[in-house]
């Protein structure tokens, strides 16, 4: 069985790597006085990288999940 591979350009790879470095740099400040702002920045970085990889998260209730499974 063949695997599907999404090819990324060098600029895309650099942006992804830079986003991860920035996220890691912000983590130590998550518990300080600026916790709300830092969490907002980390969430923004996550949204930007998720939109590039086209992976998203959707929360479902147990009833909604049962409807999807059916």
N, C-alpha and C. Protein backbone atom coordinates (compact mmCIF):
# COMPACT_ATOMS: atom_id res chain seq x y z
N UNK A 1 0.84 -1.17 0.00
CA UNK A 1 0.00 0.00 0.00
C UNK A 1 0.89 1.24 0.00
N UNK A 2 0.56 2.19 -0.85
CA UNK A 2 1.37 3.40 -0.98
C UNK A 2 0.99 4.42 0.09
N UNK A 3 1.97 5.21 0.49
CA UNK A 3 1.74 6.27 1.46
C UNK A 3 1.64 7.60 0.74
N UNK A 4 0.75 8.44 1.18
CA UNK A 4 0.61 9.78 0.62
C UNK A 4 1.54 10.70 1.40
N UNK A 5 2.37 11.43 0.68
CA UNK A 5 3.33 12.33 1.31
C UNK A 5 3.05 13.75 0.83
N UNK A 6 2.91 14.65 1.77
CA UNK A 6 2.70 16.05 1.45
C UNK A 6 4.06 16.72 1.38
N UNK A 7 4.44 17.20 0.22
CA UNK A 7 5.74 17.84 0.05
C UNK A 7 5.65 19.29 0.50
N UNK A 8 6.60 19.71 1.32
CA UNK A 8 6.64 21.09 1.79
C UNK A 8 7.82 21.80 1.16
N UNK A 9 7.62 23.06 0.84
CA UNK A 9 8.71 23.85 0.30
C UNK A 9 9.64 24.25 1.44
N UNK A 10 10.83 24.67 1.10
CA UNK A 10 11.79 25.09 2.12
C UNK A 10 11.25 26.24 2.97
N UNK A 11 10.62 27.28 2.37
CA UNK A 11 10.05 28.35 3.22
C UNK A 11 8.97 27.83 4.18
N UNK A 12 8.14 26.89 3.72
CA UNK A 12 7.12 26.32 4.61
C UNK A 12 7.76 25.59 5.77
N UNK A 13 8.80 24.82 5.49
CA UNK A 13 9.48 24.07 6.54
C UNK A 13 10.13 25.02 7.54
N UNK A 14 10.74 26.10 7.04
CA UNK A 14 11.36 27.09 7.93
C UNK A 14 10.31 27.74 8.83
N UNK A 15 9.16 28.10 8.26
CA UNK A 15 8.11 28.72 9.07
C UNK A 15 7.63 27.77 10.16
N UNK A 16 7.46 26.49 9.81
CA UNK A 16 7.03 25.50 10.79
C UNK A 16 8.06 25.36 11.90
N UNK A 17 9.33 25.30 11.52
CA UNK A 17 10.40 25.19 12.51
C UNK A 17 10.48 26.43 13.39
N UNK A 18 10.32 27.61 12.78
CA UNK A 18 10.37 28.86 13.54
C UNK A 18 9.20 28.95 14.52
N UNK A 19 8.03 28.48 14.10
CA UNK A 19 6.86 28.49 14.98
C UNK A 19 7.11 27.60 16.19
N UNK A 20 7.73 26.45 15.98
CA UNK A 20 8.01 25.54 17.09
C UNK A 20 9.04 26.15 18.05
N UNK A 21 10.06 26.81 17.51
CA UNK A 21 11.07 27.47 18.35
C UNK A 21 10.41 28.57 19.19
N UNK A 22 9.54 29.35 18.56
CA UNK A 22 8.85 30.42 19.28
C UNK A 22 7.95 29.85 20.37
N UNK A 23 7.22 28.80 20.07
CA UNK A 23 6.34 28.17 21.05
C UNK A 23 7.15 27.67 22.24
N UNK A 24 8.26 27.02 21.98
CA UNK A 24 9.12 26.50 23.05
C UNK A 24 9.68 27.65 23.89
N UNK A 25 10.01 28.77 23.25
CA UNK A 25 10.55 29.91 23.99
C UNK A 25 9.50 30.54 24.90
N UNK A 26 8.22 30.45 24.54
CA UNK A 26 7.15 31.05 25.34
C UNK A 26 6.73 30.18 26.52
N UNK A 27 6.93 28.88 26.44
CA UNK A 27 6.45 27.96 27.48
C UNK A 27 6.89 28.32 28.90
N UNK A 28 8.13 28.74 29.15
CA UNK A 28 8.52 29.07 30.52
C UNK A 28 7.74 30.25 31.11
N UNK A 29 7.17 31.11 30.27
CA UNK A 29 6.45 32.29 30.75
C UNK A 29 4.96 32.03 30.93
N UNK A 30 4.53 30.81 30.67
CA UNK A 30 3.11 30.47 30.72
C UNK A 30 2.53 30.57 32.14
N UNK A 31 3.36 30.44 33.15
CA UNK A 31 2.86 30.46 34.52
C UNK A 31 3.06 31.82 35.21
N UNK A 32 3.63 32.79 34.52
CA UNK A 32 3.92 34.07 35.16
C UNK A 32 2.76 35.05 35.11
N UNK A 33 3.10 36.32 35.32
CA UNK A 33 2.09 37.39 35.33
C UNK A 33 1.40 37.56 33.98
N UNK A 34 2.08 37.19 32.92
CA UNK A 34 1.53 37.35 31.57
C UNK A 34 0.92 36.05 31.05
N UNK A 35 0.51 35.16 31.94
CA UNK A 35 0.05 33.82 31.55
C UNK A 35 -1.05 33.87 30.49
N UNK A 36 -2.02 34.74 30.67
CA UNK A 36 -3.11 34.83 29.70
C UNK A 36 -2.63 35.23 28.33
N UNK A 37 -1.73 36.21 28.28
CA UNK A 37 -1.19 36.67 27.00
C UNK A 37 -0.34 35.58 26.34
N UNK A 38 0.46 34.91 27.16
CA UNK A 38 1.34 33.86 26.63
C UNK A 38 0.50 32.71 26.08
N UNK A 39 -0.54 32.31 26.82
CA UNK A 39 -1.42 31.24 26.33
C UNK A 39 -2.09 31.64 25.02
N UNK A 40 -2.46 32.91 24.92
CA UNK A 40 -3.06 33.41 23.68
C UNK A 40 -2.09 33.34 22.51
N UNK A 41 -0.83 33.69 22.77
CA UNK A 41 0.19 33.60 21.71
C UNK A 41 0.44 32.15 21.30
N UNK A 42 0.52 31.26 22.28
CA UNK A 42 0.74 29.85 21.98
C UNK A 42 -0.44 29.29 21.17
N UNK A 43 -1.65 29.69 21.55
CA UNK A 43 -2.84 29.24 20.80
C UNK A 43 -2.82 29.78 19.38
N UNK A 44 -2.39 31.03 19.22
CA UNK A 44 -2.30 31.61 17.87
C UNK A 44 -1.29 30.86 17.01
N UNK A 45 -0.15 30.55 17.58
CA UNK A 45 0.86 29.77 16.86
C UNK A 45 0.28 28.42 16.46
N UNK A 46 -0.43 27.77 17.38
CA UNK A 46 -1.02 26.46 17.08
C UNK A 46 -2.04 26.57 15.95
N UNK A 47 -2.85 27.63 15.96
CA UNK A 47 -3.84 27.80 14.88
C UNK A 47 -3.16 28.01 13.54
N UNK A 48 -2.08 28.78 13.54
CA UNK A 48 -1.38 29.04 12.28
C UNK A 48 -0.75 27.77 11.72
N UNK A 49 -0.12 26.99 12.57
CA UNK A 49 0.51 25.76 12.08
C UNK A 49 -0.53 24.71 11.73
N UNK A 50 -1.65 24.67 12.45
CA UNK A 50 -2.71 23.71 12.12
C UNK A 50 -3.32 24.03 10.77
N UNK A 51 -3.48 25.32 10.46
CA UNK A 51 -4.07 25.68 9.18
C UNK A 51 -3.15 25.32 8.02
N UNK A 52 -1.86 25.35 8.26
CA UNK A 52 -0.92 24.96 7.20
C UNK A 52 -0.93 23.46 6.96
N UNK A 53 -1.07 22.70 8.04
CA UNK A 53 -1.07 21.25 7.89
C UNK A 53 -2.47 20.70 7.66
N UNK A 54 -3.45 21.57 7.74
CA UNK A 54 -4.85 21.25 7.52
C UNK A 54 -5.41 20.27 8.54
N UNK A 55 -4.78 20.15 9.69
CA UNK A 55 -5.30 19.33 10.78
C UNK A 55 -6.02 20.26 11.74
N UNK A 56 -7.22 19.94 12.07
CA UNK A 56 -7.97 20.73 13.03
C UNK A 56 -8.53 19.82 14.11
N UNK A 57 -8.98 20.42 15.17
CA UNK A 57 -9.56 19.67 16.28
C UNK A 57 -10.99 20.12 16.45
N UNK A 58 -11.89 19.17 16.57
CA UNK A 58 -13.30 19.46 16.82
C UNK A 58 -13.73 18.66 18.03
N UNK A 59 -14.29 19.34 19.02
CA UNK A 59 -14.76 18.64 20.21
C UNK A 59 -16.21 18.21 19.99
N UNK A 60 -16.48 16.94 20.26
CA UNK A 60 -17.83 16.40 20.11
C UNK A 60 -18.32 15.87 21.45
N UNK A 61 -19.61 16.00 21.65
CA UNK A 61 -20.21 15.38 22.83
C UNK A 61 -20.38 13.89 22.53
N UNK A 62 -20.60 13.06 23.53
CA UNK A 62 -20.82 11.64 23.27
C UNK A 62 -21.98 11.38 22.31
N UNK A 63 -23.04 12.16 22.41
CA UNK A 63 -24.18 11.99 21.49
C UNK A 63 -23.81 12.34 20.06
N UNK A 64 -23.04 13.42 19.90
CA UNK A 64 -22.60 13.81 18.56
C UNK A 64 -21.67 12.77 17.96
N UNK A 65 -20.77 12.21 18.79
CA UNK A 65 -19.87 11.18 18.31
C UNK A 65 -20.66 9.95 17.86
N UNK A 66 -21.68 9.57 18.63
CA UNK A 66 -22.50 8.43 18.25
C UNK A 66 -23.19 8.67 16.92
N UNK A 67 -23.63 9.90 16.67
CA UNK A 67 -24.26 10.22 15.40
C UNK A 67 -23.26 10.11 14.26
N UNK A 68 -22.04 10.53 14.46
CA UNK A 68 -21.00 10.43 13.42
C UNK A 68 -20.69 8.95 13.14
N UNK A 69 -20.58 8.16 14.18
CA UNK A 69 -20.25 6.75 14.01
C UNK A 69 -21.36 6.02 13.24
N UNK A 70 -22.62 6.39 13.56
CA UNK A 70 -23.75 5.77 12.84
C UNK A 70 -23.69 6.14 11.39
